[in-house]
């Protein structure tokens, strides 16, 4: 094994020693820990005897398979796959899972990326059997789920889920921000995950001993916000007491100013002065306190609109947006909807004691075409609600479990695939639907983009008719992905056409 000097071990290695002479595989085989390794695609390439004993599996049935085919996780996604995706180690993480032989494992995982030439070539996972530890170690010494969280935080970059290029670029920028003490500004609609990004940046930059303080600027009355941020001294006003403000409490760590655009303009000016001088003075005090704080702020409206309307100071924007990260809305990253839905399904399976394994194609289609005004937060709450509506015996999440579908269909059926629990079968019920006709392409129109769009629209309708409205089959017929077809159906406003085709096929 070549001598490596990555950031995790270089300070613990003597450069003059030739580590290549050591047969590390013998050490792994003789370890009293369960150890497994994957390649950069998640394929199992090493699996020792201890891990085989924990899982009650034969190594020959494991090696060469994808890790998600070997293990089924009850309350989280694969730690190895998360490390492959984000490049950060996960240490002492308690995990419950089922192996392919239905054996239940309760283990503690420490997973590290394997690097070569600054690229991840795989992962190595060290596993401790929690059941054995519980019998031999006092409970107060037992490890808890721990990814080096700072107090007051719950998220790291390993918690962030999404593979859409726009979103991946936002995460990449956030990691760069995590390596810098400069101010960071996050822009995204409500529910896109700004707080998650803020906590991940803090945990990436600081150790867990550094303070993380956050404040929702929209929730604090104007008369109180200065005292809350900067602190007060006794006698400054009636009822005032000696109290440190959030900036002072966060000294040496991070302060997250959520929805800072809600801050009054007068307060924005005072904040700008604090940022420029890197000093804070409590309300009513003459003494100044030096600050060493990483500032993360967020906006839920376009910064250009806020500056143009005079709601937000331009000089404060430039001071806070040294690193600017735009988090895309969920409707702009539809590729991630299904992945997020399955993640939340696993989460609420564990919370609510369900064993739901699948999401029906009809519900996935609905998710694909719903505009998600509440973004990821709305998706999570919808999944939680739907899981509550299932019985303990059911294994698939369906449209009928989502009570909100009927409510939304009544309000706006133009963009929703409202499949009724009792299908319409009569000609009258089908004909009563007002389906917009697809106009023919007129010969005198020579607008190439318009003709191309119309041709695409007509071909999609023909493919859907040929496959009786089956999205997957129609996509295969058209030579495109199911996800892309779902997007194009929504783009051309063909949801009601699709509904009519489905009803006619019943």
Protein backbone atom coordinates (compact mmCIF):
# COMPACT_ATOMS: atom_id res chain seq x y z
CA UNK A 1 0.00 0.00 0.00
CA UNK A 2 1.53 3.35 -1.00
CA UNK A 3 2.48 5.87 1.62
CA UNK A 4 -0.34 8.43 1.77
CA UNK A 5 -0.31 11.80 3.48
CA UNK A 6 -3.90 12.95 3.44
CA UNK A 7 -5.32 15.45 5.91
CA UNK A 8 -6.50 12.73 8.32
CA UNK A 9 -3.17 11.08 9.08
CA UNK A 10 -0.19 13.13 7.94
CA UNK A 11 0.57 14.59 11.37
CA UNK A 12 0.60 11.08 12.90
CA UNK A 13 3.05 9.51 10.43
CA UNK A 14 6.85 9.57 10.39
CA UNK A 15 7.92 10.38 6.85
CA UNK A 16 11.13 8.35 7.14
CA UNK A 17 9.22 5.11 7.77
CA UNK A 18 8.28 2.99 4.75
CA UNK A 19 4.63 2.15 5.32
CA UNK A 20 4.48 0.23 2.04
CA UNK A 21 6.25 -2.69 3.80
CA UNK A 22 3.19 -3.29 6.01
CA UNK A 23 0.56 -5.75 4.85
CA UNK A 24 -2.53 -3.85 5.95
CA UNK A 25 -4.87 -6.54 4.62
CA UNK A 26 -3.55 -8.99 7.25
CA UNK A 27 -4.28 -6.39 9.91
CA UNK A 28 -7.83 -5.87 8.62
CA UNK A 29 -8.44 -9.62 8.53
CA UNK A 30 -7.24 -10.00 12.12
CA UNK A 31 -9.19 -7.04 13.51
CA UNK A 32 -11.88 -7.56 16.16
CA UNK A 33 -14.02 -4.98 14.32
CA UNK A 34 -16.27 -5.68 11.38
CA UNK A 35 -14.63 -4.13 8.31
CA UNK A 36 -15.92 -3.72 4.79
CA UNK A 37 -14.69 -1.73 1.81
CA UNK A 38 -16.40 -0.49 -1.35
CA UNK A 39 -15.12 0.92 -4.61
CA UNK A 40 -16.12 4.35 -5.91
CA UNK A 41 -19.43 2.95 -7.21
CA UNK A 42 -20.45 1.33 -3.92
CA UNK A 43 -19.54 -2.23 -4.95
CA UNK A 44 -18.35 -4.40 -2.04
CA UNK A 45 -14.67 -5.29 -2.54
CA UNK A 46 -13.63 -6.40 0.97
CA UNK A 47 -15.61 -8.04 3.78
CA UNK A 48 -13.89 -9.58 6.84
CA UNK A 49 -14.93 -12.53 9.03
CA UNK A 50 -16.14 -10.34 11.92
CA UNK A 51 -18.53 -8.45 9.67
CA UNK A 52 -19.73 -11.75 8.20
CA UNK A 53 -20.48 -12.93 11.77
CA UNK A 54 -22.38 -9.73 12.60
CA UNK A 55 -24.47 -9.96 9.42
CA UNK A 56 -24.72 -13.78 9.40
CA UNK A 57 -23.75 -13.73 5.72
CA UNK A 58 -21.26 -15.65 3.59
CA UNK A 59 -18.60 -13.31 2.08
CA UNK A 60 -19.04 -15.06 -1.28
CA UNK A 61 -22.66 -13.82 -1.32
CA UNK A 62 -21.58 -10.24 -0.62
CA UNK A 63 -18.45 -9.45 -2.61
CA UNK A 64 -19.14 -7.92 -5.99
CA UNK A 65 -22.61 -6.72 -5.03
CA UNK A 66 -23.70 -3.12 -4.50
CA UNK A 67 -23.88 -2.23 -0.82
CA UNK A 68 -27.54 -1.18 -1.08
CA UNK A 69 -28.37 -4.66 -2.42
CA UNK A 70 -26.74 -6.25 0.63
CA UNK A 71 -28.20 -3.96 3.31
CA UNK A 72 -31.65 -2.44 3.75
CA UNK A 73 -31.60 0.51 6.12
CA UNK A 74 -34.43 1.22 8.55
CA UNK A 75 -33.76 4.82 9.44
CA UNK A 76 -31.17 6.26 7.11
CA UNK A 77 -29.36 5.87 3.84
CA UNK A 78 -26.09 3.96 3.42
CA UNK A 79 -23.25 5.64 5.30
CA UNK A 80 -20.76 4.40 2.69
CA UNK A 81 -22.78 5.93 -0.14
CA UNK A 82 -23.05 9.21 1.77
CA UNK A 83 -19.27 9.31 2.23
CA UNK A 84 -18.76 8.54 -1.47
CA UNK A 85 -21.10 11.38 -2.33
CA UNK A 86 -19.82 14.04 0.04
CA UNK A 87 -16.20 13.06 0.70
CA UNK A 88 -16.48 13.57 4.46
CA UNK A 89 -15.95 10.83 7.07
CA UNK A 90 -18.84 9.74 9.29
CA UNK A 91 -17.63 8.74 12.76
CA UNK A 92 -19.40 6.72 15.49
CA UNK A 93 -22.76 6.70 13.72
CA UNK A 94 -25.38 4.39 15.24
CA UNK A 95 -27.25 2.57 12.49
CA UNK A 96 -30.08 0.03 12.29
CA UNK A 97 -30.37 -2.08 9.15
CA UNK A 98 -31.35 -5.44 7.71
CA UNK A 99 -28.97 -7.62 5.70
CA UNK A 100 -30.17 -9.57 2.70
CA UNK A 101 -30.93 -12.62 4.87
CA UNK A 102 -33.28 -10.45 6.99
CA UNK A 103 -30.86 -10.44 9.94
CA UNK A 104 -31.28 -7.21 11.93
CA UNK A 105 -28.09 -5.30 12.70
CA UNK A 106 -27.68 -2.57 15.31
CA UNK A 107 -24.18 -1.27 14.81
CA UNK A 108 -21.94 1.73 15.14
CA UNK A 109 -20.22 2.76 11.92
CA UNK A 110 -17.13 4.84 11.24
CA UNK A 111 -16.70 5.33 7.50
CA UNK A 112 -13.75 7.02 5.78
CA UNK A 113 -13.15 7.93 2.13
CA UNK A 114 -10.23 6.18 0.41
CA UNK A 115 -8.30 8.76 -1.58
CA UNK A 116 -5.83 8.63 -4.44
CA UNK A 117 -4.60 11.72 -6.30
CA UNK A 118 -7.25 13.79 -4.49
CA UNK A 119 -10.02 11.57 -5.86
CA UNK A 120 -12.28 9.20 -3.93
CA UNK A 121 -11.62 5.64 -5.05
CA UNK A 122 -13.72 3.94 -2.40
CA UNK A 123 -14.67 3.76 1.28
CA UNK A 124 -13.63 1.73 4.30
CA UNK A 125 -16.16 1.10 7.05
CA UNK A 126 -15.34 -0.03 10.60
CA UNK A 127 -18.31 -1.64 12.34
CA UNK A 128 -18.93 -2.27 16.05
CA UNK A 129 -21.76 -4.58 17.07
CA UNK A 130 -23.98 -2.48 19.35
CA UNK A 131 -25.64 -5.53 20.92
CA UNK A 132 -22.25 -6.84 22.11
CA UNK A 133 -21.15 -3.40 23.32
CA UNK A 134 -24.40 -2.86 25.19
CA UNK A 135 -23.74 -5.97 27.27
CA UNK A 136 -20.14 -5.07 28.07
CA UNK A 137 -20.05 -1.24 28.29
CA UNK A 138 -21.95 1.01 30.72
CA UNK A 139 -24.76 2.89 28.97
CA UNK A 140 -23.25 6.29 29.65
CA UNK A 141 -20.19 5.28 27.62
CA UNK A 142 -22.16 4.02 24.61
CA UNK A 143 -21.62 6.11 21.47
CA UNK A 144 -24.49 8.13 20.08
CA UNK A 145 -25.17 9.26 16.50
CA UNK A 146 -22.29 11.66 16.03
CA UNK A 147 -20.94 13.40 12.99
CA UNK A 148 -19.07 16.01 15.00
CA UNK A 149 -22.14 18.21 15.44
CA UNK A 150 -21.75 21.52 17.21
CA UNK A 151 -24.22 22.19 20.01
CA UNK A 152 -27.46 23.50 18.54
CA UNK A 153 -26.91 21.87 15.15
CA UNK A 154 -28.22 18.66 13.59
CA UNK A 155 -26.82 18.73 10.06
CA UNK A 156 -23.56 18.29 8.16
CA UNK A 157 -22.94 18.08 4.42
CA UNK A 158 -23.58 14.34 4.71
CA UNK A 159 -27.18 15.29 5.59
CA UNK A 160 -27.72 17.13 2.30
CA UNK A 161 -29.47 15.05 -0.35
CA UNK A 162 -29.67 15.86 -4.06
CA UNK A 163 -27.96 15.12 -7.36
CA UNK A 164 -29.44 17.77 -9.64
CA UNK A 165 -26.56 19.77 -11.24
CA UNK A 166 -27.88 23.12 -9.97
CA UNK A 167 -28.11 21.78 -6.44
CA UNK A 168 -24.76 19.99 -6.58
CA UNK A 169 -23.14 23.26 -7.62
CA UNK A 170 -24.73 25.02 -4.62
CA UNK A 171 -23.36 22.33 -2.28
CA UNK A 172 -19.92 22.62 -3.89
CA UNK A 173 -19.91 26.38 -3.31
CA UNK A 174 -21.07 25.84 0.29
CA UNK A 175 -18.14 23.50 0.93
CA UNK A 176 -15.78 26.16 -0.41
CA UNK A 177 -17.46 28.60 1.97
CA UNK A 178 -16.87 26.08 4.75
CA UNK A 179 -13.14 26.47 4.21
CA UNK A 180 -13.26 30.25 4.56
CA UNK A 181 -13.93 32.67 7.44
CA UNK A 182 -15.59 35.13 5.00
CA UNK A 183 -19.30 36.04 5.32
CA UNK A 184 -21.73 33.77 3.46
CA UNK A 185 -25.15 34.72 2.13
CA UNK A 186 -27.74 32.07 1.26
CA UNK A 187 -30.63 32.88 -1.06
CA UNK A 188 -33.58 30.55 -1.46
CA UNK A 189 -37.31 30.33 -1.07
CA UNK A 190 -38.84 29.24 2.22
CA UNK A 191 -38.35 25.52 2.71
CA UNK A 192 -35.34 25.05 0.42
CA UNK A 193 -32.96 24.20 3.27
CA UNK A 194 -31.10 27.42 4.11
CA UNK A 195 -30.74 26.48 7.78
CA UNK A 196 -29.45 23.04 6.81
CA UNK A 197 -26.78 24.68 4.62
CA UNK A 198 -25.83 27.11 7.40
CA UNK A 199 -25.32 24.33 9.96
CA UNK A 200 -23.38 22.21 7.46
CA UNK A 201 -21.04 25.11 6.70
CA UNK A 202 -20.45 25.70 10.42
CA UNK A 203 -19.74 22.03 11.16
CA UNK A 204 -17.43 21.83 8.14
CA UNK A 205 -15.41 24.89 9.23
CA UNK A 206 -15.35 24.58 13.01
CA UNK A 207 -14.95 21.83 15.57
CA UNK A 208 -18.01 20.91 17.60
CA UNK A 209 -16.74 23.04 20.51
CA UNK A 210 -17.34 26.29 18.61
CA UNK A 211 -20.63 28.12 19.23
CA UNK A 212 -23.41 28.20 16.67
CA UNK A 213 -26.12 30.80 17.23
CA UNK A 214 -29.08 31.49 14.96
CA UNK A 215 -31.89 34.03 14.89
CA UNK A 216 -34.92 34.45 12.68
CA UNK A 217 -34.89 38.19 12.04
CA UNK A 218 -38.54 38.11 10.90
CA UNK A 219 -39.71 36.75 14.26
CA UNK A 220 -38.14 39.41 16.52
CA UNK A 221 -39.98 42.72 17.27
CA UNK A 222 -38.10 45.79 16.05
CA UNK A 223 -37.86 47.17 19.59
CA UNK A 224 -36.04 44.06 20.85
CA UNK A 225 -33.74 43.06 18.02
CA UNK A 226 -30.85 45.38 18.91
CA UNK A 227 -30.68 44.11 22.49
CA UNK A 228 -30.95 40.48 21.37
CA UNK A 229 -28.13 40.84 18.83
CA UNK A 230 -25.77 43.14 20.70
CA UNK A 231 -26.70 42.61 24.36
CA UNK A 232 -27.72 45.03 27.12
CA UNK A 233 -26.42 46.46 30.40
CA UNK A 234 -28.40 47.06 33.52
CA UNK A 235 -30.06 50.48 33.54
CA UNK A 236 -29.94 51.01 29.76
CA UNK A 237 -33.75 51.17 29.85
CA UNK A 238 -36.51 50.15 32.20
CA UNK A 239 -36.14 46.46 33.00
CA UNK A 240 -32.78 46.09 31.25
CA UNK A 241 -30.30 43.60 32.74
CA UNK A 242 -26.71 42.65 32.03
CA UNK A 243 -27.03 40.18 29.17
CA UNK A 244 -24.72 39.13 26.37
CA UNK A 245 -26.12 39.42 22.84
CA UNK A 246 -26.03 36.71 20.22
CA UNK A 247 -22.93 38.16 18.57
CA UNK A 248 -21.08 38.04 21.86
CA UNK A 249 -22.32 34.51 22.60
CA UNK A 250 -21.21 33.36 19.16
CA UNK A 251 -17.73 34.87 19.49
CA UNK A 252 -15.23 32.39 18.08
CA UNK A 253 -17.98 30.56 16.18
CA UNK A 254 -20.87 31.23 13.79
CA UNK A 255 -23.99 33.39 13.85
CA UNK A 256 -26.76 32.68 11.34
CA UNK A 257 -29.04 35.64 10.55
CA UNK A 258 -32.05 34.02 8.89
CA UNK A 259 -34.30 36.16 6.66
CA UNK A 260 -32.11 39.17 7.28
CA UNK A 261 -34.12 41.11 4.71
CA UNK A 262 -36.82 41.41 7.42
CA UNK A 263 -34.44 43.47 9.57
CA UNK A 264 -35.43 47.18 9.85
CA UNK A 265 -33.27 49.57 7.79
CA UNK A 266 -32.06 51.44 10.90
CA UNK A 267 -30.88 48.15 12.38
CA UNK A 268 -29.20 47.23 9.09
CA UNK A 269 -27.03 50.35 9.43
CA UNK A 270 -25.97 49.40 12.97
CA UNK A 271 -25.19 45.87 11.85
CA UNK A 272 -23.05 47.18 9.00
CA UNK A 273 -20.95 49.15 11.49
CA UNK A 274 -20.43 46.07 13.65
CA UNK A 275 -19.30 44.06 10.62
CA UNK A 276 -16.90 46.75 9.44
CA UNK A 277 -15.28 47.36 12.83
CA UNK A 278 -15.53 43.75 14.04
CA UNK A 279 -16.54 45.12 17.41
CA UNK A 280 -19.82 45.15 19.29
CA UNK A 281 -21.10 47.35 22.07
CA UNK A 282 -23.95 46.35 24.34
CA UNK A 283 -26.95 48.67 24.43
CA UNK A 284 -26.25 51.28 27.13
CA UNK A 285 -22.54 50.43 27.44
CA UNK A 286 -19.43 52.42 26.47
CA UNK A 287 -17.19 49.35 26.29
CA UNK A 288 -16.54 47.55 23.01
CA UNK A 289 -15.99 43.81 22.60
CA UNK A 290 -13.77 42.46 19.83
CA UNK A 291 -15.51 39.94 17.58
CA UNK A 292 -14.24 36.90 15.71
CA UNK A 293 -17.46 35.54 14.24
CA UNK A 294 -18.28 33.82 10.97
CA UNK A 295 -21.43 35.46 9.59
CA UNK A 296 -23.97 33.44 7.63
CA UNK A 297 -27.11 35.22 6.50
CA UNK A 298 -30.07 34.31 4.34
CA UNK A 299 -32.64 35.99 2.10
CA UNK A 300 -35.99 34.53 1.04
CA UNK A 301 -36.49 37.10 -1.73
CA UNK A 302 -34.35 38.13 -4.70
CA UNK A 303 -31.54 40.43 -3.50
CA UNK A 304 -31.91 42.58 -6.63
CA UNK A 305 -35.60 43.18 -5.91
CA UNK A 306 -34.89 43.93 -2.25
CA UNK A 307 -32.14 46.43 -3.06
CA UNK A 308 -34.15 48.07 -5.86
CA UNK A 309 -37.20 48.45 -3.60
CA UNK A 310 -35.10 49.97 -0.81
CA UNK A 311 -35.88 47.15 1.64
CA UNK A 312 -32.26 46.08 1.92
CA UNK A 313 -29.11 48.21 1.99
CA UNK A 314 -26.81 47.62 -0.95
CA UNK A 315 -23.66 48.21 1.14
CA UNK A 316 -24.84 45.60 3.66
CA UNK A 317 -25.56 43.15 0.85
CA UNK A 318 -22.03 43.46 -0.54
CA UNK A 319 -20.58 43.10 2.96
CA UNK A 320 -22.55 39.94 3.74
CA UNK A 321 -22.51 38.31 0.28
CA UNK A 322 -18.74 37.84 0.01
CA UNK A 323 -19.69 34.23 -0.78
CA UNK A 324 -23.14 34.06 -2.37
CA UNK A 325 -25.02 30.76 -2.65
CA UNK A 326 -28.35 30.40 -4.42
CA UNK A 327 -30.25 27.28 -3.33
CA UNK A 328 -32.64 26.20 -6.12
CA UNK A 329 -36.32 25.66 -5.42
CA UNK A 330 -37.54 22.06 -5.51
CA UNK A 331 -39.45 22.67 -8.77
CA UNK A 332 -36.09 23.63 -10.34
CA UNK A 333 -34.48 20.34 -9.23
CA UNK A 334 -37.17 17.80 -10.05
CA UNK A 335 -34.53 15.12 -10.50
CA UNK A 336 -34.22 15.08 -6.71
CA UNK A 337 -37.92 14.79 -5.85
CA UNK A 338 -38.04 10.98 -5.89
CA UNK A 339 -34.73 10.63 -4.02
CA UNK A 340 -35.88 13.03 -1.31
CA UNK A 341 -39.26 11.35 -1.10
CA UNK A 342 -37.66 7.95 -0.48
CA UNK A 343 -35.29 9.47 2.09
CA UNK A 344 -38.21 10.93 4.07
CA UNK A 345 -40.09 7.64 3.70
CA UNK A 346 -37.20 5.83 5.42
CA UNK A 347 -37.11 8.49 8.12
CA UNK A 348 -40.80 8.29 8.97
CA UNK A 349 -40.87 4.51 8.67
CA UNK A 350 -38.54 4.51 11.67
CA UNK A 351 -40.37 7.27 13.54
CA UNK A 352 -43.85 5.82 13.04
CA UNK A 353 -42.98 2.11 13.08
CA UNK A 354 -44.01 1.36 9.48
CA UNK A 355 -42.36 -0.95 6.93
CA UNK A 356 -43.23 0.84 3.67
CA UNK A 357 -40.71 -0.05 0.98
CA UNK A 358 -42.09 1.58 -2.18
CA UNK A 359 -43.81 4.67 -3.54
CA UNK A 360 -46.39 3.92 -6.24
CA UNK A 361 -45.73 5.16 -9.81
CA UNK A 362 -48.91 7.27 -9.68
CA UNK A 363 -47.71 9.09 -6.58
CA UNK A 364 -44.26 9.59 -8.13
CA UNK A 365 -45.95 11.09 -11.21
CA UNK A 366 -47.90 13.40 -8.96
CA UNK A 367 -44.72 14.48 -7.17
CA UNK A 368 -43.04 15.12 -10.52
CA UNK A 369 -45.74 17.48 -11.70
CA UNK A 370 -46.70 19.26 -8.50
CA UNK A 371 -45.11 22.76 -8.32
CA UNK A 372 -43.95 22.46 -4.66
CA UNK A 373 -44.55 26.00 -3.40
CA UNK A 374 -43.33 24.89 0.04
CA UNK A 375 -40.25 23.17 -1.40
CA UNK A 376 -38.43 20.37 0.47
CA UNK A 377 -40.14 21.19 3.76
CA UNK A 378 -43.54 20.66 2.13
CA UNK A 379 -42.41 17.35 0.61
CA UNK A 380 -41.26 16.12 4.02
CA UNK A 381 -44.55 17.03 5.68
CA UNK A 382 -46.53 15.38 2.87
CA UNK A 383 -44.57 12.14 3.27
CA UNK A 384 -45.01 12.23 7.05
CA UNK A 385 -48.75 12.76 6.62
CA UNK A 386 -49.05 9.95 4.06
CA UNK A 387 -47.11 7.47 6.22
CA UNK A 388 -49.49 8.25 9.09
CA UNK A 389 -52.40 7.26 6.84
CA UNK A 390 -51.00 3.77 6.12
CA UNK A 391 -51.68 0.61 8.07
CA UNK A 392 -48.88 -1.42 9.65
CA UNK A 393 -49.32 -4.16 7.03
CA UNK A 394 -48.99 -1.96 3.91
CA UNK A 395 -45.72 -1.86 1.99
CA UNK A 396 -46.44 0.77 -0.70
CA UNK A 397 -47.25 4.46 -0.33
CA UNK A 398 -50.11 5.37 -2.68
CA UNK A 399 -52.12 8.37 -3.84
CA UNK A 400 -55.03 7.49 -1.56
CA UNK A 401 -52.76 7.91 1.47
CA UNK A 402 -52.23 11.58 0.59
CA UNK A 403 -55.34 13.41 1.72
CA UNK A 404 -53.94 16.70 0.41
CA UNK A 405 -54.14 15.43 -3.20
CA UNK A 406 -57.94 15.71 -3.24
CA UNK A 407 -57.77 19.19 -1.72
CA UNK A 408 -55.25 20.40 -4.28
CA UNK A 409 -57.10 18.79 -7.19
CA UNK A 410 -60.25 20.67 -6.25
CA UNK A 411 -58.35 23.97 -6.16
CA UNK A 412 -56.31 23.53 -9.31
CA UNK A 413 -56.50 20.56 -11.63
CA UNK A 414 -54.61 22.16 -14.52
CA UNK A 415 -51.21 20.87 -13.38
CA UNK A 416 -52.08 17.83 -11.28
CA UNK A 417 -52.59 14.22 -12.26
CA UNK A 418 -55.78 13.78 -10.23
CA UNK A 419 -56.42 10.07 -10.45
CA UNK A 420 -59.69 9.38 -8.61
CA UNK A 421 -60.00 6.61 -6.08
CA UNK A 422 -63.21 5.58 -7.95
CA UNK A 423 -62.31 5.69 -11.65
CA UNK A 424 -64.66 7.31 -14.16
CA UNK A 425 -65.84 4.73 -16.67
CA UNK A 426 -68.81 6.23 -18.51
CA UNK A 427 -68.50 8.17 -21.72
CA UNK A 428 -70.39 11.08 -20.21
CA UNK A 429 -67.93 11.44 -17.32
CA UNK A 430 -64.95 11.42 -19.69
CA UNK A 431 -66.52 13.81 -22.16
CA UNK A 432 -67.39 16.22 -19.36
CA UNK A 433 -63.71 16.97 -18.88
CA UNK A 434 -62.67 20.13 -20.62
CA UNK A 435 -59.59 18.99 -22.52
CA UNK A 436 -57.79 21.69 -24.50
CA UNK A 437 -57.46 20.65 -28.12
CA UNK A 438 -54.00 20.54 -29.64
CA UNK A 439 -54.07 22.98 -32.59
CA UNK A 440 -52.77 21.80 -35.95
CA UNK A 441 -49.56 23.31 -37.27
CA UNK A 442 -50.61 25.85 -39.87
CA UNK A 443 -48.70 25.86 -43.14
CA UNK A 444 -48.20 29.60 -43.14
CA UNK A 445 -46.28 29.49 -39.82
CA UNK A 446 -42.54 29.40 -40.47
CA UNK A 447 -41.39 29.90 -36.90
CA UNK A 448 -39.01 26.94 -36.46
CA UNK A 449 -39.03 26.85 -32.61
CA UNK A 450 -42.85 26.94 -32.62
CA UNK A 451 -43.06 24.14 -35.19
CA UNK A 452 -40.53 22.07 -33.26
CA UNK A 453 -42.46 22.55 -30.03
CA UNK A 454 -45.74 21.59 -31.71
CA UNK A 455 -44.19 18.48 -33.25
CA UNK A 456 -42.82 17.42 -29.86
CA UNK A 457 -46.22 17.99 -28.29
CA UNK A 458 -48.05 15.92 -30.92
CA UNK A 459 -45.54 13.05 -30.67
CA UNK A 460 -45.89 12.93 -26.88
CA UNK A 461 -49.68 12.73 -27.14
CA UNK A 462 -49.44 9.93 -29.74
CA UNK A 463 -47.00 7.97 -27.55
CA UNK A 464 -49.27 8.34 -24.51
CA UNK A 465 -52.30 7.22 -26.52
CA UNK A 466 -50.40 4.19 -27.83
CA UNK A 467 -49.37 3.14 -24.32
CA UNK A 468 -52.74 3.94 -22.66
CA UNK A 469 -51.17 6.72 -20.64
CA UNK A 470 -48.31 4.68 -19.19
CA UNK A 471 -45.54 7.22 -18.63
CA UNK A 472 -42.72 4.68 -18.44
CA UNK A 473 -43.72 2.88 -21.65
CA UNK A 474 -44.33 6.15 -23.51
CA UNK A 475 -40.88 7.42 -22.47
CA UNK A 476 -39.28 4.23 -23.78
CA UNK A 477 -41.21 4.61 -27.05
CA UNK A 478 -39.99 8.20 -27.40
CA UNK A 479 -36.41 7.29 -26.52
CA UNK A 480 -36.21 9.59 -23.47
CA UNK A 481 -36.18 9.09 -19.71
CA UNK A 482 -39.38 8.87 -17.69
CA UNK A 483 -38.31 11.96 -15.74
CA UNK A 484 -37.79 14.00 -18.92
CA UNK A 485 -41.18 12.92 -20.29
CA UNK A 486 -42.83 13.97 -17.03
CA UNK A 487 -41.20 17.36 -17.37
CA UNK A 488 -42.33 17.75 -21.00
CA UNK A 489 -45.90 16.69 -20.19
CA UNK A 490 -45.97 19.43 -17.58
CA UNK A 491 -44.25 21.91 -19.92
CA UNK A 492 -46.84 21.41 -22.68
CA UNK A 493 -49.73 21.33 -20.18
CA UNK A 494 -50.83 17.84 -21.17
CA UNK A 495 -51.88 16.58 -17.75
CA UNK A 496 -55.59 16.64 -18.59
CA UNK A 497 -54.91 14.99 -21.94
CA UNK A 498 -53.07 12.27 -20.04
CA UNK A 499 -55.96 11.89 -17.61
CA UNK A 500 -58.45 11.49 -20.46
CA UNK A 501 -56.24 8.83 -22.07
CA UNK A 502 -56.02 6.92 -18.78
CA UNK A 503 -59.76 7.09 -18.19
CA UNK A 504 -60.53 5.92 -21.73
CA UNK A 505 -58.25 2.92 -21.19
CA UNK A 506 -60.15 1.76 -18.11
